[in-house]
Amino acid sequence: MLEAISSVTPQPTLSSRIYGDLHDFAAAIGNESFAFGEGLPGRTWAEQKPLVLKSFNPETFKRTDAAHAAGLTSGVLTEIVVWYF
């Protein structure tokens, strides 16, 4: 039996050869979850296609300050679906 999924929790890449350690940025995300269509993760889930952020804007990306502090200037969000049987 498949369970209906009601929220998504972002899982950032924690390291990068270009930017180094991103643990502080990951900590800013915490365990926050987003409903279908809510925020950028929920929007990516609803649209079922990657979302490219050419720049971070506090009006559309809640963690703009944390992203900038980590040296990030843009991002790509993708939907990954995992089925458990």
N, C-alpha and C. Protein backbone atom coordinates (compact mmCIF):
# COMPACT_ATOMS: atom_id res chain seq x y z
N MET A 1 0.85 -1.18 0.00
CA MET A 1 0.00 0.00 0.00
C MET A 1 0.90 1.24 0.00
N LEU A 2 0.58 2.20 -0.86
CA LEU A 2 1.33 3.45 -0.92
C LEU A 2 0.66 4.49 -0.05
N GLU A 3 1.46 5.20 0.71
CA GLU A 3 0.93 6.28 1.54
C GLU A 3 0.98 7.59 0.78
N ALA A 4 0.01 8.44 0.99
CA ALA A 4 0.01 9.77 0.38
C ALA A 4 1.06 10.63 1.09
N ILE A 5 1.83 11.35 0.32
CA ILE A 5 2.86 12.24 0.86
C ILE A 5 2.25 13.62 1.00
N SER A 6 2.41 14.23 2.18
CA SER A 6 1.79 15.53 2.40
C SER A 6 2.79 16.67 2.49
N SER A 7 4.09 16.36 2.58
CA SER A 7 5.08 17.43 2.66
C SER A 7 6.42 16.93 2.15
N VAL A 8 7.30 17.89 1.89
CA VAL A 8 8.65 17.59 1.41
C VAL A 8 9.64 18.34 2.29
N THR A 9 10.77 17.70 2.59
CA THR A 9 11.82 18.33 3.38
C THR A 9 13.06 18.48 2.50
N PRO A 10 13.53 19.71 2.27
CA PRO A 10 14.71 19.91 1.42
C PRO A 10 15.94 19.21 1.99
N GLN A 11 16.76 18.65 1.12
CA GLN A 11 18.01 18.00 1.50
C GLN A 11 19.13 18.62 0.66
N PRO A 12 19.84 19.60 1.18
CA PRO A 12 20.88 20.26 0.39
C PRO A 12 22.12 19.39 0.23
N THR A 13 22.85 19.64 -0.82
CA THR A 13 24.17 19.04 -0.97
C THR A 13 25.07 19.70 0.07
N LEU A 14 25.77 18.93 0.87
CA LEU A 14 26.50 19.49 2.00
C LEU A 14 27.93 19.90 1.70
N SER A 15 28.44 19.59 0.56
CA SER A 15 29.79 20.03 0.23
C SER A 15 29.90 20.25 -1.27
N SER A 16 30.85 21.05 -1.63
CA SER A 16 31.05 21.40 -3.02
C SER A 16 32.53 21.68 -3.23
N ARG A 17 33.05 21.26 -4.33
CA ARG A 17 34.46 21.55 -4.60
C ARG A 17 34.69 23.04 -4.77
N ILE A 18 33.68 23.75 -5.19
CA ILE A 18 33.82 25.20 -5.42
C ILE A 18 33.60 25.97 -4.12
N TYR A 19 32.55 25.64 -3.39
CA TYR A 19 32.15 26.43 -2.22
C TYR A 19 32.63 25.86 -0.90
N GLY A 20 33.06 24.61 -0.87
CA GLY A 20 33.51 24.02 0.38
C GLY A 20 32.36 23.54 1.24
N ASP A 21 32.53 23.62 2.53
CA ASP A 21 31.58 23.09 3.50
C ASP A 21 30.30 23.93 3.54
N LEU A 22 29.16 23.27 3.39
CA LEU A 22 27.88 23.97 3.41
C LEU A 22 27.04 23.57 4.62
N HIS A 23 27.67 23.10 5.69
CA HIS A 23 26.92 22.65 6.86
C HIS A 23 26.12 23.78 7.52
N ASP A 24 26.66 25.00 7.53
CA ASP A 24 25.92 26.13 8.12
C ASP A 24 24.65 26.42 7.32
N PHE A 25 24.77 26.32 6.00
CA PHE A 25 23.59 26.53 5.15
C PHE A 25 22.56 25.42 5.41
N ALA A 26 23.02 24.19 5.51
CA ALA A 26 22.12 23.07 5.79
C ALA A 26 21.44 23.25 7.15
N ALA A 27 22.18 23.77 8.13
CA ALA A 27 21.62 24.01 9.46
C ALA A 27 20.52 25.07 9.41
N ALA A 28 20.66 26.04 8.51
CA ALA A 28 19.64 27.09 8.36
C ALA A 28 18.33 26.49 7.85
N ILE A 29 18.43 25.42 7.10
CA ILE A 29 17.23 24.75 6.58
C ILE A 29 16.57 23.96 7.69
N GLY A 30 17.38 23.33 8.54
CA GLY A 30 16.82 22.54 9.63
C GLY A 30 15.98 21.40 9.09
N ASN A 31 14.89 21.10 9.76
CA ASN A 31 13.99 20.02 9.35
C ASN A 31 12.68 20.57 8.84
N GLU A 32 12.70 21.79 8.34
CA GLU A 32 11.47 22.40 7.85
C GLU A 32 10.92 21.62 6.67
N SER A 33 9.61 21.46 6.65
CA SER A 33 8.94 20.77 5.55
C SER A 33 8.02 21.73 4.83
N PHE A 34 7.75 21.43 3.58
CA PHE A 34 6.90 22.28 2.75
C PHE A 34 5.78 21.45 2.16
N ALA A 35 4.57 21.99 2.17
CA ALA A 35 3.43 21.31 1.56
C ALA A 35 3.53 21.41 0.04
N PHE A 36 2.77 20.59 -0.64
CA PHE A 36 2.70 20.60 -2.10
C PHE A 36 2.40 22.02 -2.58
N GLY A 37 3.27 22.59 -3.39
CA GLY A 37 3.08 23.94 -3.93
C GLY A 37 3.59 25.06 -3.03
N GLU A 38 4.02 24.74 -1.79
CA GLU A 38 4.46 25.75 -0.84
C GLU A 38 5.96 25.98 -0.93
N GLY A 39 6.36 27.24 -0.99
CA GLY A 39 7.77 27.57 -1.07
C GLY A 39 8.40 27.01 -2.33
N LEU A 40 9.69 27.19 -2.48
CA LEU A 40 10.36 26.69 -3.68
C LEU A 40 10.42 25.16 -3.74
N PRO A 41 10.68 24.46 -2.61
CA PRO A 41 10.66 22.99 -2.69
C PRO A 41 9.28 22.45 -3.07
N GLY A 42 8.24 22.99 -2.47
CA GLY A 42 6.88 22.55 -2.79
C GLY A 42 6.46 22.91 -4.19
N ARG A 43 6.94 24.05 -4.67
CA ARG A 43 6.65 24.46 -6.05
C ARG A 43 7.34 23.53 -7.05
N THR A 44 8.58 23.15 -6.76
CA THR A 44 9.30 22.22 -7.62
C THR A 44 8.57 20.88 -7.67
N TRP A 45 8.11 20.44 -6.53
CA TRP A 45 7.35 19.19 -6.42
C TRP A 45 6.08 19.28 -7.25
N ALA A 46 5.34 20.39 -7.12
CA ALA A 46 4.08 20.56 -7.83
C ALA A 46 4.28 20.65 -9.35
N GLU A 47 5.31 21.35 -9.78
CA GLU A 47 5.55 21.54 -11.21
C GLU A 47 6.24 20.34 -11.85
N GLN A 48 6.82 19.48 -11.03
CA GLN A 48 7.49 18.26 -11.48
C GLN A 48 8.54 18.52 -12.56
N LYS A 49 9.30 19.59 -12.33
CA LYS A 49 10.43 19.90 -13.21
C LYS A 49 11.43 20.73 -12.42
N PRO A 50 12.69 20.72 -12.83
CA PRO A 50 13.70 21.50 -12.10
C PRO A 50 13.37 22.99 -12.09
N LEU A 51 13.78 23.65 -11.04
CA LEU A 51 13.60 25.09 -10.91
C LEU A 51 14.98 25.71 -10.75
N VAL A 52 15.32 26.66 -11.61
CA VAL A 52 16.62 27.31 -11.58
C VAL A 52 16.47 28.70 -10.98
N LEU A 53 17.28 28.98 -9.96
CA LEU A 53 17.31 30.30 -9.35
C LEU A 53 18.60 30.98 -9.81
N LYS A 54 18.47 31.97 -10.67
CA LYS A 54 19.67 32.67 -11.16
C LYS A 54 20.28 33.54 -10.08
N SER A 55 19.44 33.97 -9.15
CA SER A 55 19.91 34.72 -7.99
C SER A 55 18.90 34.52 -6.87
N PHE A 56 19.33 34.72 -5.63
CA PHE A 56 18.45 34.55 -4.49
C PHE A 56 17.78 35.87 -4.16
N ASN A 57 16.49 35.81 -3.92
CA ASN A 57 15.69 36.99 -3.59
C ASN A 57 14.94 36.68 -2.30
N PRO A 58 15.08 37.52 -1.27
CA PRO A 58 14.40 37.25 0.01
C PRO A 58 12.88 37.12 -0.11
N GLU A 59 12.30 37.70 -1.15
CA GLU A 59 10.84 37.62 -1.31
C GLU A 59 10.40 36.22 -1.75
N THR A 60 11.29 35.49 -2.42
CA THR A 60 10.92 34.16 -2.92
C THR A 60 11.77 33.05 -2.32
N PHE A 61 12.89 33.38 -1.67
CA PHE A 61 13.76 32.37 -1.07
C PHE A 61 14.06 32.78 0.36
N LYS A 62 13.46 32.07 1.32
CA LYS A 62 13.55 32.43 2.74
C LYS A 62 14.97 32.48 3.28
N ARG A 63 15.84 31.66 2.75
CA ARG A 63 17.20 31.55 3.32
C ARG A 63 18.24 32.29 2.50
N THR A 64 17.87 33.41 1.92
CA THR A 64 18.80 34.20 1.10
C THR A 64 20.04 34.60 1.90
N ASP A 65 19.86 35.09 3.12
CA ASP A 65 21.01 35.51 3.93
C ASP A 65 21.96 34.34 4.20
N ALA A 66 21.41 33.18 4.54
CA ALA A 66 22.24 32.00 4.81
C ALA A 66 22.96 31.55 3.54
N ALA A 67 22.28 31.62 2.41
CA ALA A 67 22.90 31.23 1.14
C ALA A 67 24.06 32.16 0.80
N HIS A 68 23.84 33.46 0.95
CA HIS A 68 24.90 34.43 0.67
C HIS A 68 26.07 34.26 1.63
N ALA A 69 25.79 33.99 2.91
CA ALA A 69 26.86 33.78 3.89
C ALA A 69 27.71 32.56 3.53
N ALA A 70 27.10 31.57 2.86
CA ALA A 70 27.82 30.36 2.44
C ALA A 70 28.54 30.57 1.11
N GLY A 71 28.36 31.75 0.52
CA GLY A 71 29.01 32.04 -0.76
C GLY A 71 28.21 31.61 -1.97
N LEU A 72 26.94 31.24 -1.75
CA LEU A 72 26.09 30.79 -2.85
C LEU A 72 25.40 31.99 -3.49
N THR A 73 25.26 31.95 -4.81
CA THR A 73 24.60 33.05 -5.52
C THR A 73 23.45 32.58 -6.38
N SER A 74 23.33 31.28 -6.62
CA SER A 74 22.26 30.73 -7.44
C SER A 74 22.02 29.29 -7.02
N GLY A 75 20.97 28.68 -7.55
CA GLY A 75 20.68 27.30 -7.16
C GLY A 75 19.78 26.60 -8.15
N VAL A 76 19.75 25.29 -8.04
CA VAL A 76 18.87 24.46 -8.84
C VAL A 76 18.13 23.53 -7.89
N LEU A 77 16.82 23.49 -8.00
CA LEU A 77 16.01 22.59 -7.19
C LEU A 77 15.48 21.50 -8.11
N THR A 78 15.59 20.26 -7.68
CA THR A 78 15.05 19.16 -8.46
C THR A 78 14.17 18.30 -7.58
N GLU A 79 13.23 17.65 -8.20
CA GLU A 79 12.35 16.73 -7.50
C GLU A 79 12.94 15.33 -7.61
N ILE A 80 13.07 14.65 -6.48
CA ILE A 80 13.53 13.28 -6.47
C ILE A 80 12.45 12.46 -5.78
N VAL A 81 11.93 11.48 -6.46
CA VAL A 81 10.87 10.64 -5.93
C VAL A 81 11.45 9.30 -5.53
N VAL A 82 11.17 8.87 -4.31
CA VAL A 82 11.63 7.58 -3.82
C VAL A 82 10.40 6.76 -3.46
N TRP A 83 10.32 5.58 -4.02
CA TRP A 83 9.21 4.69 -3.74
C TRP A 83 9.68 3.59 -2.80
N TYR A 84 8.96 3.35 -1.75
CA TYR A 84 9.24 2.25 -0.83
C TYR A 84 8.15 1.19 -1.00
N PHE A 85 8.56 -0.01 -1.20
CA PHE A 85 7.58 -1.10 -1.37
C PHE A 85 7.72 -2.08 -0.24
